[in-house]
Protein backbone atom coordinates (compact mmCIF):
# COMPACT_ATOMS: atom_id res chain seq x y z
CA MET A 1 0.00 0.00 0.00
CA ASN A 2 1.34 3.40 -0.96
CA VAL A 3 0.14 5.67 1.83
CA MET A 4 2.23 8.82 1.64
CA ALA A 5 -0.08 11.26 3.35
CA SER A 6 0.06 13.54 6.34
CA PRO A 7 -2.45 13.07 9.17
CA HIS A 8 -4.41 16.03 7.77
CA GLN A 9 -4.52 14.46 4.28
CA LEU A 10 -5.54 11.08 5.72
CA ARG A 11 -8.36 12.75 7.64
CA ALA A 12 -9.60 14.41 4.42
CA LEU A 13 -9.43 11.09 2.55
CA LEU A 14 -11.28 9.36 5.37
CA GLU A 15 -14.05 11.95 5.07
CA LYS A 16 -14.28 11.31 1.30
CA PHE A 17 -14.51 7.57 2.03
CA PHE A 18 -17.36 8.12 4.50
CA GLN A 19 -19.17 10.43 2.06
CA GLN A 20 -19.02 7.84 -0.70
CA ARG A 21 -20.10 5.04 1.63
CA ARG A 22 -23.06 7.13 2.89
CA ALA A 23 -24.11 7.97 -0.67
CA ALA A 24 -24.06 4.28 -1.61
CA GLU A 25 -26.09 3.35 1.46
CA GLN A 26 -28.65 6.08 0.69
CA ARG A 27 -29.05 4.57 -2.80
CA GLY A 28 -29.46 1.08 -1.32
CA ILE A 29 -26.14 -0.20 -2.68
CA PRO A 30 -24.19 -2.59 -0.44
CA TRP A 31 -20.72 -1.40 0.63
CA ALA A 32 -18.00 -4.00 1.18
CA LEU A 33 -14.86 -1.84 1.27
CA ASP A 34 -12.87 -0.76 4.28
CA PHE A 35 -11.00 2.52 4.17
CA TRP A 36 -7.59 1.00 3.36
CA THR A 37 -8.95 -1.10 0.49
CA TRP A 38 -10.84 1.91 -0.89
CA LEU A 39 -7.66 4.01 -0.68
CA GLU A 40 -5.54 1.31 -2.34
CA ILE A 41 -7.99 1.09 -5.27
CA TRP A 42 -7.81 4.85 -5.74
CA GLN A 43 -4.03 5.05 -5.34
CA SER A 44 -3.46 2.12 -7.71
CA SER A 45 -5.54 3.89 -10.35
CA GLY A 46 -3.29 6.94 -10.29
CA HIS A 47 -6.39 9.15 -10.34
CA LEU A 48 -6.99 9.90 -6.65
CA HIS A 49 -6.11 13.57 -7.24
CA GLU A 50 -8.66 13.67 -10.11
CA ARG A 51 -11.56 12.19 -8.13
CA GLY A 52 -14.84 14.06 -8.48
CA ARG A 53 -18.34 14.39 -9.91
CA CYS A 54 -17.63 16.67 -12.89
CA ARG A 55 -16.94 15.88 -16.53
CA GLY A 56 -13.39 14.64 -17.00
CA GLN A 57 -12.98 13.63 -13.37
CA PHE A 58 -12.74 10.05 -12.14
CA GLN A 59 -15.18 7.96 -10.12
CA MET A 60 -15.33 4.56 -8.53
CA CYS A 61 -17.63 2.54 -10.82
CA ARG A 62 -19.37 -0.75 -10.23
CA LEU A 63 -19.05 -3.16 -13.16
CA GLY A 64 -22.22 -2.72 -15.22
CA ASP A 65 -23.53 -0.48 -12.43
CA VAL A 66 -24.76 -3.54 -10.53
CA GLY A 67 -23.77 -5.29 -7.32
CA PRO A 68 -21.98 -3.98 -4.25
CA TYR A 69 -19.02 -1.71 -3.95
CA ALA A 70 -16.39 -4.40 -3.38
CA SER A 71 -12.77 -4.78 -4.45
CA SER A 72 -13.80 -7.39 -7.05
CA THR A 73 -16.64 -5.32 -8.54
CA VAL A 74 -15.25 -1.81 -8.90
CA ARG A 75 -12.91 0.09 -11.15
CA ILE A 76 -11.89 3.72 -11.50
CA ASP A 77 -13.11 5.41 -14.67
CA ARG A 78 -14.18 8.80 -16.02
CA MET A 79 -17.47 10.29 -14.85
CA GLU A 80 -18.87 10.15 -18.40
CA VAL A 81 -18.38 6.38 -18.61
CA ASN A 82 -19.93 5.86 -15.20
CA ALA A 83 -22.96 8.02 -16.08
CA SER A 84 -23.45 6.14 -19.35
CA GLU A 85 -23.37 2.76 -17.57
CA ALA A 86 -25.80 4.00 -14.93
CA GLN A 87 -28.25 5.14 -17.63
CA ALA A 88 -27.97 1.79 -19.43
CA ALA A 89 -28.64 -0.05 -16.16
CA LYS A 90 -31.72 2.12 -15.47
CA ASN A 91 -33.02 1.38 -18.96
CA ARG A 92 -32.50 -2.38 -18.44
CA ILE A 93 -34.42 -2.23 -15.15
CA ARG A 94 -37.26 -0.21 -16.71
CA LEU A 95 -37.56 -2.65 -19.63
CA ALA A 96 -37.53 -5.66 -17.30
CA ARG A 97 -40.32 -4.10 -15.20
CA GLN A 98 -42.39 -3.40 -18.31
CA GLN A 99 -41.92 -6.98 -19.53
CA ALA A 100 -42.90 -8.36 -16.12
CA ALA A 101 -46.03 -6.18 -16.02
CA CYS A 102 -47.04 -7.34 -19.51
CA ALA A 103 -46.45 -10.98 -18.60
CA ALA A 104 -48.52 -10.59 -15.42
CA ALA A 105 -51.33 -8.93 -17.34
CA GLU A 106 -51.26 -11.67 -19.97
CA ALA A 107 -51.31 -14.37 -17.30
CA ALA A 108 -54.35 -12.68 -15.73
CA GLY A 109 -56.10 -12.65 -19.09
CA ILE A 110 -55.89 -8.89 -19.48
CA THR A 111 -55.24 -7.70 -22.98
CA THR A 112 -54.02 -4.28 -23.83
CA THR A 113 -53.90 -2.47 -27.12
CA PRO A 114 -51.12 -0.11 -27.97
CA SER A 115 -52.11 3.53 -27.79
CA THR A 116 -51.89 5.49 -31.03
């Protein structure tokens, strides 16, 4: 592990770790990283100093935007890539819900006609 930080810098990084963990928990996403593992992932990426939520900055991304934040399911990538994957995942979920609703309606003998 390459921890070359002052106590003040470590405290700031710890706060960023807690902020990200809280945000994941608020979104209902399981969190399976301790601080040192989280820091190692960021340091190994070489992009810790470019971490952020703006275009061109880097984020911790879950593979396919599914599953927990865990060392085996995350990577560091640009915000634009992460946002694109998140949108694709939302579209997959929406389509799956629509298909399930149609299947349930069909099983109940309810027919629908497309609106024009």
